[in-house]
Amino acid sequence: ILVTSLEAGAGKSFVSQRLASLLAQKGRTLL
């Protein structure tokens, strides 16, 4: 899964971390 944005500061890293945390509940996840 690639998480990107149009501009810096859109909260891309925050969303990526929350998404990785959620996926880690179902199996091994790498960020």
PDB file of all heavy atoms in Angstrom:
ATOM      1  N   ILE A   1       0.857  -1.197   0.000  1.00  0.00           N
ATOM      2  CA  ILE A   1       0.000   0.000   0.000  1.00  0.00           C
ATOM      3  C   ILE A   1       0.889   1.242   0.000  1.00  0.00           C
ATOM      4  O   ILE A   1       1.717   1.419   0.911  1.00  0.00           O
ATOM      5  CB  ILE A   1      -0.904   0.023   1.242  1.00  0.00           C
ATOM      6  CG1 ILE A   1      -1.670  -1.294   1.372  1.00  0.00           C
ATOM      7  CG2 ILE A   1      -1.843   1.211   1.200  1.00  0.00           C
ATOM      8  CD1 ILE A   1      -2.168  -1.566   2.749  1.00  0.00           C
ATOM      9  N   LEU A   2       0.715   2.116  -1.009  1.00  0.00           N
ATOM     10  CA  LEU A   2       1.445   3.387  -1.088  1.00  0.00           C
ATOM     11  C   LEU A   2       0.516   4.506  -0.643  1.00  0.00           C
ATOM     12  O   LEU A   2      -0.576   4.673  -1.187  1.00  0.00           O
ATOM     13  CB  LEU A   2       1.931   3.653  -2.507  1.00  0.00           C
ATOM     14  CG  LEU A   2       2.556   5.037  -2.751  1.00  0.00           C
ATOM     15  CD1 LEU A   2       3.827   5.215  -1.934  1.00  0.00           C
ATOM     16  CD2 LEU A   2       2.849   5.252  -4.237  1.00  0.00           C
ATOM     17  N   VAL A   3       0.947   5.272   0.351  1.00  0.00           N
ATOM     18  CA  VAL A   3       0.189   6.431   0.829  1.00  0.00           C
ATOM     19  C   VAL A   3       0.943   7.692   0.414  1.00  0.00           C
ATOM     20  O   VAL A   3       2.103   7.878   0.823  1.00  0.00           O
ATOM     21  CB  VAL A   3       0.001   6.379   2.355  1.00  0.00           C
ATOM     22  CG1 VAL A   3      -0.803   7.602   2.818  1.00  0.00           C
ATOM     23  CG2 VAL A   3      -0.694   5.100   2.778  1.00  0.00           C
ATOM     24  N   THR A   4       0.335   8.520  -0.392  1.00  0.00           N
ATOM     25  CA  THR A   4       0.973   9.751  -0.875  1.00  0.00           C
ATOM     26  C   THR A   4       0.021  10.929  -0.673  1.00  0.00           C
ATOM     27  O   THR A   4      -1.101  10.779  -0.151  1.00  0.00           O
ATOM     28  CB  THR A   4       1.365   9.616  -2.359  1.00  0.00           C
ATOM     29  OG1 THR A   4       2.069  10.804  -2.763  1.00  0.00           O
ATOM     30  CG2 THR A   4       0.158   9.438  -3.254  1.00  0.00           C
ATOM     31  N   SER A   5       0.448  12.114  -1.101  1.00  0.00           N
ATOM     32  CA  SER A   5      -0.382  13.319  -0.991  1.00  0.00           C
ATOM     33  C   SER A   5       0.052  14.338  -2.040  1.00  0.00           C
ATOM     34  O   SER A   5       1.103  14.178  -2.669  1.00  0.00           O
ATOM     35  CB  SER A   5      -0.275  13.936   0.407  1.00  0.00           C
ATOM     36  OG  SER A   5       1.042  14.380   0.640  1.00  0.00           O
ATOM     37  N   LEU A   6      -0.770  15.367  -2.210  1.00  0.00           N
ATOM     38  CA  LEU A   6      -0.444  16.417  -3.188  1.00  0.00           C
ATOM     39  C   LEU A   6       0.588  17.397  -2.661  1.00  0.00           C
ATOM     40  O   LEU A   6       1.325  17.997  -3.433  1.00  0.00           O
ATOM     41  CB  LEU A   6      -1.714  17.185  -3.566  1.00  0.00           C
ATOM     42  CG  LEU A   6      -2.698  16.447  -4.474  1.00  0.00           C
ATOM     43  CD1 LEU A   6      -4.011  17.185  -4.520  1.00  0.00           C
ATOM     44  CD2 LEU A   6      -2.128  16.298  -5.877  1.00  0.00           C
ATOM     45  N   GLU A   7       0.633  17.574  -1.339  1.00  0.00           N
ATOM     46  CA  GLU A   7       1.528  18.568  -0.763  1.00  0.00           C
ATOM     47  C   GLU A   7       1.981  18.096   0.600  1.00  0.00           C
ATOM     48  O   GLU A   7       1.347  17.215   1.222  1.00  0.00           O
ATOM     49  CB  GLU A   7       0.838  19.933  -0.660  1.00  0.00           C
ATOM     50  CG  GLU A   7      -0.066  20.151   0.518  1.00  0.00           C
ATOM     51  CD  GLU A   7      -1.355  19.336   0.506  1.00  0.00           C
ATOM     52  OE1 GLU A   7      -1.666  18.667  -0.504  1.00  0.00           O
ATOM     53  OE2 GLU A   7      -2.066  19.362   1.511  1.00  0.00           O
ATOM     54  N   ALA A   8       3.070  18.666   1.075  1.00  0.00           N
ATOM     55  CA  ALA A   8       3.563  18.349   2.412  1.00  0.00           C
ATOM     56  C   ALA A   8       2.616  18.918   3.450  1.00  0.00           C
ATOM     57  O   ALA A   8       1.979  19.948   3.231  1.00  0.00           O
ATOM     58  CB  ALA A   8       4.962  18.930   2.592  1.00  0.00           C
ATOM     59  N   GLY A   9       2.535  18.248   4.595  1.00  0.00           N
ATOM     60  CA  GLY A   9       1.693  18.738   5.678  1.00  0.00           C
ATOM     61  C   GLY A   9       0.274  18.269   5.609  1.00  0.00           C
ATOM     62  O   GLY A   9      -0.572  18.751   6.386  1.00  0.00           O
ATOM     63  N   ALA A  10      -0.056  17.369   4.695  1.00  0.00           N
ATOM     64  CA  ALA A  10      -1.436  16.892   4.570  1.00  0.00           C
ATOM     65  C   ALA A  10      -1.761  15.827   5.605  1.00  0.00           C
ATOM     66  O   ALA A  10      -2.896  15.368   5.693  1.00  0.00           O
ATOM     67  CB  ALA A  10      -1.676  16.354   3.167  1.00  0.00           C
ATOM     68  N   GLY A  11      -0.751  15.386   6.407  1.00  0.00           N
ATOM     69  CA  GLY A  11      -0.984  14.349   7.410  1.00  0.00           C
ATOM     70  C   GLY A  11      -0.765  12.953   6.873  1.00  0.00           C
ATOM     71  O   GLY A  11      -1.291  11.986   7.426  1.00  0.00           O
ATOM     72  N   LYS A  12       0.021  12.874   5.819  1.00  0.00           N
ATOM     73  CA  LYS A  12       0.278  11.579   5.152  1.00  0.00           C
ATOM     74  C   LYS A  12       0.956  10.591   6.104  1.00  0.00           C
ATOM     75  O   LYS A  12       0.570   9.415   6.194  1.00  0.00           O
ATOM     76  CB  LYS A  12       1.148  11.840   3.921  1.00  0.00           C
ATOM     77  CG  LYS A  12       1.724  10.630   3.240  1.00  0.00           C
ATOM     78  CD  LYS A  12       2.464  11.024   2.000  1.00  0.00           C
ATOM     79  CE  LYS A  12       3.581  12.006   2.289  1.00  0.00           C
ATOM     80  NZ  LYS A  12       4.637  11.424   3.141  1.00  0.00           N
ATOM     81  N   SER A  13       1.969  11.010   6.844  1.00  0.00           N
ATOM     82  CA  SER A  13       2.703  10.108   7.743  1.00  0.00           C
ATOM     83  C   SER A  13       1.813   9.640   8.887  1.00  0.00           C
ATOM     84  O   SER A  13       1.840   8.460   9.283  1.00  0.00           O
ATOM     85  CB  SER A  13       3.934  10.824   8.309  1.00  0.00           C
ATOM     86  OG  SER A  13       4.832  11.151   7.271  1.00  0.00           O
ATOM     87  N   PHE A  14       0.988  10.555   9.413  1.00  0.00           N
ATOM     88  CA  PHE A  14       0.085  10.192  10.499  1.00  0.00           C
ATOM     89  C   PHE A  14      -0.899   9.116  10.036  1.00  0.00           C
ATOM     90  O   PHE A  14      -1.133   8.112  10.721  1.00  0.00           O
ATOM     91  CB  PHE A  14      -0.657  11.435  10.985  1.00  0.00           C
ATOM     92  CG  PHE A  14      -1.781  11.146  11.929  1.00  0.00           C
ATOM     93  CD1 PHE A  14      -1.534  10.836  13.262  1.00  0.00           C
ATOM     94  CD2 PHE A  14      -3.102  11.156  11.486  1.00  0.00           C
ATOM     95  CE1 PHE A  14      -2.585  10.546  14.135  1.00  0.00           C
ATOM     96  CE2 PHE A  14      -4.146  10.875  12.354  1.00  0.00           C
ATOM     97  CZ  PHE A  14      -3.891  10.580  13.679  1.00  0.00           C
ATOM     98  N   VAL A  15      -1.475   9.315   8.851  1.00  0.00           N
ATOM     99  CA  VAL A  15      -2.429   8.352   8.312  1.00  0.00           C
ATOM    100  C   VAL A  15      -1.744   7.012   8.028  1.00  0.00           C
ATOM    101  O   VAL A  15      -2.298   5.929   8.299  1.00  0.00           O
ATOM    102  CB  VAL A  15      -3.097   8.917   7.041  1.00  0.00           C
ATOM    103  CG1 VAL A  15      -3.963   7.858   6.365  1.00  0.00           C
ATOM    104  CG2 VAL A  15      -3.940  10.142   7.389  1.00  0.00           C
ATOM    105  N   SER A  16      -0.503   7.057   7.527  1.00  0.00           N
ATOM    106  CA  SER A  16       0.238   5.825   7.223  1.00  0.00           C
ATOM    107  C   SER A  16       0.475   5.017   8.499  1.00  0.00           C
ATOM    108  O   SER A  16       0.325   3.778   8.519  1.00  0.00           O
ATOM    109  CB  SER A  16       1.582   6.164   6.563  1.00  0.00           C
ATOM    110  OG  SER A  16       1.378   6.843   5.355  1.00  0.00           O
ATOM    111  N   GLN A  17       0.842   5.696   9.566  1.00  0.00           N
ATOM    112  CA  GLN A  17       1.097   5.011  10.836  1.00  0.00           C
ATOM    113  C   GLN A  17      -0.180   4.393  11.401  1.00  0.00           C
ATOM    114  O   GLN A  17      -0.165   3.241  11.879  1.00  0.00           O
ATOM    115  CB  GLN A  17       1.699   6.001  11.844  1.00  0.00           C
ATOM    116  CG  GLN A  17       3.085   6.496  11.478  1.00  0.00           C
ATOM    117  CD  GLN A  17       3.539   7.659  12.338  1.00  0.00           C
ATOM    118  OE1 GLN A  17       3.001   7.865  13.437  1.00  0.00           O
ATOM    119  NE2 GLN A  17       4.537   8.397  11.854  1.00  0.00           N
ATOM    120  N   ARG A  18      -1.300   5.157  11.336  1.00  0.00           N
ATOM    121  CA  ARG A  18      -2.550   4.604  11.846  1.00  0.00           C
ATOM    122  C   ARG A  18      -3.008   3.417  10.992  1.00  0.00           C
ATOM    123  O   ARG A  18      -3.543   2.439  11.519  1.00  0.00           O
ATOM    124  CB  ARG A  18      -3.640   5.697  11.853  1.00  0.00           C
ATOM    125  CG  ARG A  18      -3.372   6.874  12.760  1.00  0.00           C
ATOM    126  CD  ARG A  18      -3.585   6.552  14.246  1.00  0.00           C
ATOM    127  NE  ARG A  18      -2.472   5.853  14.829  1.00  0.00           N
ATOM    128  CZ  ARG A  18      -1.326   6.408  15.247  1.00  0.00           C
ATOM    129  NH1 ARG A  18      -1.137   7.704  15.123  1.00  0.00           N
ATOM    130  NH2 ARG A  18      -0.363   5.702  15.787  1.00  0.00           N
ATOM    131  N   LEU A  19      -2.781   3.512   9.688  1.00  0.00           N
ATOM    132  CA  LEU A  19      -3.170   2.414   8.802  1.00  0.00           C
ATOM    133  C   LEU A  19      -2.305   1.175   9.060  1.00  0.00           C
ATOM    134  O   LEU A  19      -2.795   0.033   9.109  1.00  0.00           O
ATOM    135  CB  LEU A  19      -3.049   2.854   7.343  1.00  0.00           C
ATOM    136  CG  LEU A  19      -3.471   1.828   6.286  1.00  0.00           C
ATOM    137  CD1 LEU A  19      -4.937   1.433   6.468  1.00  0.00           C
ATOM    138  CD2 LEU A  19      -3.248   2.393   4.876  1.00  0.00           C
ATOM    139  N   ALA A  20      -1.007   1.379   9.256  1.00  0.00           N
ATOM    140  CA  ALA A  20      -0.095   0.267   9.551  1.00  0.00           C
ATOM    141  C   ALA A  20      -0.454  -0.392  10.873  1.00  0.00           C
ATOM    142  O   ALA A  20      -0.426  -1.622  11.021  1.00  0.00           O
ATOM    143  CB  ALA A  20       1.337   0.772   9.567  1.00  0.00           C
ATOM    144  N   SER A  21      -0.815   0.426  11.866  1.00  0.00           N
ATOM    145  CA  SER A  21      -1.201  -0.105  13.170  1.00  0.00           C
ATOM    146  C   SER A  21      -2.445  -0.967  13.062  1.00  0.00           C
ATOM    147  O   SER A  21      -2.564  -2.014  13.710  1.00  0.00           O
ATOM    148  CB  SER A  21      -1.430   1.052  14.141  1.00  0.00           C
ATOM    149  OG  SER A  21      -1.827   0.595  15.407  1.00  0.00           O
ATOM    150  N   LEU A  22      -3.408  -0.502  12.208  1.00  0.00           N
ATOM    151  CA  LEU A  22      -4.647  -1.255  12.023  1.00  0.00           C
ATOM    152  C   LEU A  22      -4.386  -2.571  11.289  1.00  0.00           C
ATOM    153  O   LEU A  22      -4.917  -3.630  11.657  1.00  0.00           O
ATOM    154  CB  LEU A  22      -5.648  -0.388  11.245  1.00  0.00           C
ATOM    155  CG  LEU A  22      -7.032  -0.977  11.013  1.00  0.00           C
ATOM    156  CD1 LEU A  22      -7.742  -1.260  12.347  1.00  0.00           C
ATOM    157  CD2 LEU A  22      -7.875  -0.022  10.169  1.00  0.00           C
ATOM    158  N   LEU A  23      -3.527  -2.547  10.266  1.00  0.00           N
ATOM    159  CA  LEU A  23      -3.220  -3.756   9.497  1.00  0.00           C
ATOM    160  C   LEU A  23      -2.401  -4.750  10.313  1.00  0.00           C
ATOM    161  O   LEU A  23      -2.474  -5.980  10.098  1.00  0.00           O
ATOM    162  CB  LEU A  23      -2.452  -3.374   8.225  1.00  0.00           C
ATOM    163  CG  LEU A  23      -3.264  -2.630   7.161  1.00  0.00           C
ATOM    164  CD1 LEU A  23      -2.357  -2.125   6.061  1.00  0.00           C
ATOM    165  CD2 LEU A  23      -4.351  -3.527   6.582  1.00  0.00           C
ATOM    166  N   ALA A  24      -1.619  -4.267  11.262  1.00  0.00           N
ATOM    167  CA  ALA A  24      -0.795  -5.142  12.092  1.00  0.00           C
ATOM    168  C   ALA A  24      -1.638  -6.070  12.956  1.00  0.00           C
ATOM    169  O   ALA A  24      -1.165  -7.114  13.417  1.00  0.00           O
ATOM    170  CB  ALA A  24       0.128  -4.306  12.967  1.00  0.00           C
ATOM    171  N   GLN A  25      -2.895  -5.682  13.178  1.00  0.00           N
ATOM    172  CA  GLN A  25      -3.795  -6.520  13.959  1.00  0.00           C
ATOM    173  C   GLN A  25      -4.198  -7.776  13.193  1.00  0.00           C
ATOM    174  O   GLN A  25      -4.648  -8.765  13.776  1.00  0.00           O
ATOM    175  CB  GLN A  25      -5.047  -5.728  14.358  1.00  0.00           C
ATOM    176  CG  GLN A  25      -4.755  -4.511  15.225  1.00  0.00           C
ATOM    177  CD  GLN A  25      -5.999  -3.672  15.474  1.00  0.00           C
ATOM    178  OE1 GLN A  25      -7.131  -4.144  15.236  1.00  0.00           O
ATOM    179  NE2 GLN A  25      -5.795  -2.454  15.956  1.00  0.00           N
ATOM    180  N   LYS A  26      -4.017  -7.772  11.863  1.00  0.00           N
ATOM    181  CA  LYS A  26      -4.415  -8.907  11.021  1.00  0.00           C
ATOM    182  C   LYS A  26      -3.217  -9.742  10.574  1.00  0.00           C
ATOM    183  O   LYS A  26      -3.388 -10.834  10.027  1.00  0.00           O
ATOM    184  CB  LYS A  26      -5.165  -8.385   9.797  1.00  0.00           C
ATOM    185  CG  LYS A  26      -6.414  -7.616  10.142  1.00  0.00           C
ATOM    186  CD  LYS A  26      -7.087  -7.104   8.877  1.00  0.00           C
ATOM    187  CE  LYS A  26      -8.335  -6.299   9.214  1.00  0.00           C
ATOM    188  NZ  LYS A  26      -8.997  -5.803   7.977  1.00  0.00           N
ATOM    189  N   GLY A  27      -2.046  -9.228  10.710  1.00  0.00           N
ATOM    190  CA  GLY A  27      -0.857  -9.968  10.285  1.00  0.00           C
ATOM    191  C   GLY A  27       0.373  -9.099  10.358  1.00  0.00           C
ATOM    192  O   GLY A  27       0.312  -7.900  10.647  1.00  0.00           O
ATOM    193  N   ARG A  28       1.495  -9.697  10.080  1.00  0.00           N
ATOM    194  CA  ARG A  28       2.765  -8.993  10.166  1.00  0.00           C
ATOM    195  C   ARG A  28       2.804  -7.859   9.140  1.00  0.00           C
ATOM    196  O   ARG A  28       2.517  -8.069   7.964  1.00  0.00           O
ATOM    197  CB  ARG A  28       3.929  -9.971   9.932  1.00  0.00           C
ATOM    198  CG  ARG A  28       5.280  -9.358  10.274  1.00  0.00           C
ATOM    199  CD  ARG A  28       6.383 -10.368  10.056  1.00  0.00           C
ATOM    200  NE  ARG A  28       7.672  -9.763  10.385  1.00  0.00           N
ATOM    201  CZ  ARG A  28       8.841 -10.305  10.114  1.00  0.00           C
ATOM    202  NH1 ARG A  28       8.877 -11.498   9.481  1.00  0.00           N
ATOM    203  NH2 ARG A  28       9.971  -9.705  10.461  1.00  0.00           N
ATOM    204  N   THR A  29       3.199  -6.654   9.616  1.00  0.00           N
ATOM    205  CA  THR A  29       3.134  -5.453   8.769  1.00  0.00           C
ATOM    206  C   THR A  29       4.447  -4.698   8.859  1.00  0.00           C
ATOM    207  O   THR A  29       5.064  -4.592   9.934  1.00  0.00           O
ATOM    208  CB  THR A  29       1.979  -4.529   9.216  1.00  0.00           C
ATOM    209  OG1 THR A  29       0.754  -5.262   9.153  1.00  0.00           O
ATOM    210  CG2 THR A  29       1.893  -3.289   8.351  1.00  0.00           C
ATOM    211  N   LEU A  30       4.851  -4.133   7.703  1.00  0.00           N
ATOM    212  CA  LEU A  30       6.062  -3.331   7.611  1.00  0.00           C
ATOM    213  C   LEU A  30       5.687  -1.924   7.154  1.00  0.00           C
ATOM    214  O   LEU A  30       4.892  -1.758   6.226  1.00  0.00           O
ATOM    215  CB  LEU A  30       7.051  -3.956   6.616  1.00  0.00           C
ATOM    216  CG  LEU A  30       8.296  -3.119   6.289  1.00  0.00           C
ATOM    217  CD1 LEU A  30       9.174  -2.910   7.525  1.00  0.00           C
ATOM    218  CD2 LEU A  30       9.095  -3.753   5.160  1.00  0.00           C
ATOM    219  N   LEU A  31       6.299  -0.918   7.757  1.00  0.00           N
ATOM    220  CA  LEU A  31       6.061   0.479   7.383  1.00  0.00           C
ATOM    221  C   LEU A  31       7.365   1.110   6.922  1.00  0.00           C
ATOM    222  O   LEU A  31       8.345   1.130   7.669  1.00  0.00           O
ATOM    223  CB  LEU A  31       5.495   1.273   8.569  1.00  0.00           C
ATOM    224  CG  LEU A  31       5.361   2.793   8.354  1.00  0.00           C
ATOM    225  CD1 LEU A  31       4.357   3.101   7.249  1.00  0.00           C
ATOM    226  CD2 LEU A  31       4.966   3.480   9.655  1.00  0.00           C
TER     227      LEU A  31
END
